[in-house]
Protein backbone atom coordinates (compact mmCIF):
# COMPACT_ATOMS: atom_id res chain seq x y z
CA MET A 1 16.45 3.25 4.55
CA CYS A 2 14.55 2.39 1.40
CA ARG A 3 10.77 2.89 1.34
CA HIS A 4 8.47 1.46 -1.27
CA SER A 5 4.84 2.15 -0.47
CA VAL A 6 1.57 3.07 -2.07
CA TYR A 7 -0.65 5.43 -0.17
CA ASN A 8 -4.20 4.32 0.61
CA ASN A 9 -6.57 7.29 0.18
CA ARG A 10 -5.33 9.18 3.23
CA HIS A 11 -2.80 6.61 4.39
CA LEU A 12 -2.95 5.69 8.08
CA VAL A 13 -1.18 2.33 8.16
CA GLY A 14 1.95 2.32 10.28
CA ALA A 15 1.07 5.33 12.39
CA ALA A 16 0.23 3.27 15.46
CA GLU A 17 3.52 1.34 15.22
CA ARG A 18 5.46 4.61 15.27
CA GLY A 19 3.58 5.89 18.34
CA ILE A 20 2.14 8.83 16.41
CA MET A 21 -1.43 7.98 17.37
CA GLN A 22 -0.67 8.74 21.04
CA GLY A 23 -1.27 12.47 20.55
CA THR A 24 -4.73 12.02 19.08
CA ASP A 25 -8.11 12.24 20.76
CA SER A 26 -11.49 10.73 19.95
CA ILE A 27 -12.32 13.54 17.51
CA ASP A 28 -9.08 12.92 15.60
CA ARG A 29 -9.84 9.21 15.47
CA THR A 30 -13.35 9.98 14.16
CA ILE A 31 -11.83 12.22 11.49
CA LEU A 32 -9.41 9.44 10.51
CA SER A 33 -12.20 6.89 10.37
CA ILE A 34 -14.29 9.09 8.07
CA LEU A 35 -11.34 10.05 5.83
CA THR A 36 -10.29 6.42 5.46
CA LYS A 37 -13.66 5.65 3.90
CA GLU A 38 -14.33 9.02 2.22
CA ALA A 39 -11.02 10.69 1.39
CA ARG A 40 -12.67 13.25 -0.91
CA ILE A 41 -15.28 14.44 1.58
CA PRO A 42 -15.51 18.25 1.56
CA MET A 43 -14.13 19.85 4.72
CA LYS A 44 -17.51 21.49 5.39
CA SER A 45 -19.25 18.08 5.34
CA LEU A 46 -16.57 16.54 7.53
CA ALA A 47 -16.92 19.40 10.01
CA GLY A 48 -20.69 18.93 10.14
CA ARG A 49 -20.32 15.22 10.86
CA ILE A 50 -17.90 15.70 13.74
CA GLY A 51 -19.59 18.79 15.18
CA LEU A 52 -16.76 21.29 14.73
CA SER A 53 -16.35 24.41 12.62
CA ARG A 54 -14.79 24.07 9.18
CA SER A 55 -11.68 25.97 10.29
CA ALA A 56 -11.22 23.81 13.41
CA THR A 57 -11.64 20.68 11.31
CA THR A 58 -9.17 21.95 8.71
CA GLU A 59 -6.62 22.68 11.46
CA ARG A 60 -7.01 19.15 12.83
CA VAL A 61 -6.59 17.55 9.40
CA MET A 62 -3.51 19.70 8.72
CA ARG A 63 -2.05 18.72 12.12
CA LEU A 64 -2.64 15.03 11.34
CA GLU A 65 -0.91 15.50 7.97
CA LYS A 66 2.04 17.33 9.54
CA ALA A 67 2.41 14.60 12.20
CA GLY A 68 2.61 11.98 9.46
CA ILE A 69 -0.59 10.22 10.46
CA ILE A 70 -2.17 11.17 7.13
CA ARG A 71 0.73 10.51 4.78
CA GLY A 72 -0.65 10.98 1.31
CA TYR A 73 -3.43 10.83 -1.23
CA ARG A 74 -4.06 8.58 -4.20
CA ALA A 75 -6.81 7.41 -6.48
CA ASP A 76 -7.94 3.86 -5.75
CA ILE A 77 -8.33 2.60 -9.30
CA GLY A 78 -9.99 -0.70 -10.08
CA GLN A 79 -8.85 -3.05 -12.78
CA LEU A 80 -8.87 -1.10 -16.04
CA ASP A 81 -8.67 -3.95 -18.50
CA ASP A 82 -10.09 -7.44 -18.13
CA GLY A 83 -7.09 -8.64 -20.15
CA GLN A 84 -4.69 -7.80 -17.33
CA ILE A 85 -3.24 -10.71 -15.39
CA GLN A 86 -2.69 -10.30 -11.67
CA ALA A 87 -0.32 -12.60 -9.82
CA PHE A 88 1.68 -13.00 -6.65
CA LEU A 89 5.39 -13.78 -6.74
CA LEU A 90 6.25 -15.58 -3.51
CA VAL A 91 9.95 -14.98 -2.90
CA THR A 92 12.41 -16.70 -0.58
CA LEU A 93 15.71 -14.87 -0.17
CA LYS A 94 19.16 -16.32 0.41
CA ARG A 95 19.72 -13.71 3.12
CA THR A 96 18.02 -10.67 4.59
CA PRO A 97 17.69 -7.70 4.54
CA SER A 98 16.14 -7.49 1.11
CA ILE A 99 17.15 -3.91 0.26
CA GLY A 100 18.85 -4.71 -3.08
CA VAL A 101 15.94 -6.86 -4.20
CA LEU A 102 13.42 -4.17 -3.16
CA ASP A 103 15.31 -1.57 -5.17
CA ARG A 104 15.21 -3.78 -8.27
CA LEU A 105 11.53 -4.66 -7.78
CA ALA A 106 10.67 -0.96 -7.50
CA GLY A 107 12.02 -0.51 -11.03
CA PHE A 108 9.40 -2.81 -12.59
CA SER A 109 6.21 -1.00 -13.62
CA ALA A 110 4.28 -4.28 -13.30
CA VAL A 111 5.00 -4.48 -9.56
CA ARG A 112 2.02 -3.13 -7.60
CA LYS A 113 2.88 -4.04 -4.00
CA VAL A 114 5.72 -5.70 -2.13
CA SER A 115 5.26 -7.00 1.40
CA SER A 116 7.96 -8.40 3.68
CA VAL A 117 6.42 -11.33 5.53
CA SER A 118 7.30 -13.75 8.30
CA GLY A 119 7.43 -17.51 7.90
CA GLN A 120 8.99 -19.57 5.13
CA LEU A 121 8.65 -16.76 2.57
CA ASP A 122 10.41 -13.41 2.72
CA LEU A 123 8.51 -11.29 0.18
CA VAL A 124 5.07 -11.33 -1.42
CA VAL A 125 5.15 -9.34 -4.65
CA GLU A 126 1.83 -8.40 -6.25
CA VAL A 127 2.14 -7.82 -10.00
CA GLU A 128 -0.13 -6.92 -12.90
CA VAL A 129 0.89 -7.73 -16.46
CA GLY A 130 -0.72 -7.80 -19.89
CA SER A 131 0.06 -11.39 -20.81
CA ILE A 132 1.39 -14.73 -19.60
CA ASN A 133 4.57 -14.04 -21.61
CA ALA A 134 5.06 -10.77 -19.74
CA LEU A 135 4.51 -12.61 -16.44
CA ASN A 136 7.10 -15.23 -17.42
CA GLU A 137 9.61 -12.54 -18.39
CA LEU A 138 9.10 -10.71 -15.09
CA ARG A 139 9.29 -13.98 -13.17
CA ASP A 140 12.58 -14.86 -14.91
CA GLU A 141 14.03 -11.42 -14.08
CA VAL A 142 13.13 -11.78 -10.40
CA ALA A 143 14.27 -15.42 -10.18
CA THR A 144 17.75 -14.52 -11.47
CA MET A 145 18.36 -11.74 -8.92
CA ASP A 146 21.47 -12.49 -6.83
CA ASN A 147 19.70 -12.71 -3.48
CA VAL A 148 16.66 -14.74 -4.63
CA GLU A 149 16.77 -18.38 -3.54
CA ASP A 150 13.30 -19.55 -4.58
CA LEU A 151 10.29 -18.14 -6.39
CA THR A 152 6.73 -19.44 -6.68
CA THR A 153 4.11 -17.78 -8.87
CA SER A 154 0.39 -17.78 -8.09
CA ILE A 155 -1.99 -16.26 -10.64
CA VAL A 156 -5.08 -14.52 -9.25
CA LEU A 157 -8.20 -16.19 -10.64
CA ARG A 158 -10.58 -13.68 -9.04
CA ARG A 159 -10.76 -11.33 -6.08
CA ASP A 160 -13.52 -12.50 -3.78
CA ILE A 161 -13.12 -9.76 -1.14
CA GLU A 162 -11.22 -6.51 -1.53
CA ARG A 163 -11.30 -3.66 0.96
CA VAL A 164 -9.62 -0.30 0.78
């Protein structure tokens, strides 16, 4: 199975689908809620907010990590350069699954996120490039992949709402 994902602070998405959340209690869920918003909170501060000792809080966080509920850490970096162009490549495949296409997309440094979706499209690919020429080159590469039937490009004009 091929996985292409970017972790979101302390990444919780997908845990409920795998049934992992069943072994958690209200304190664990409070910890997860706080860490989702404040991943860098010191353990002592977290402990104070949930009313447990630092060692008990640390044990709970470690248990959540070991169970795969907290899957990783990353910096959530905003746009570094106003000259960057963000776009979505809306991909329709000739057939699914899309494993070969996902492997190729993972090789492009401009690809930020890939989501498999339901409906008329199969994949939504979020990209960030330095120029329209670079976007066209990337688009041409993706469009000529064996399993790609159709490709539409939408350039992001602005982000009106963005949540982490």
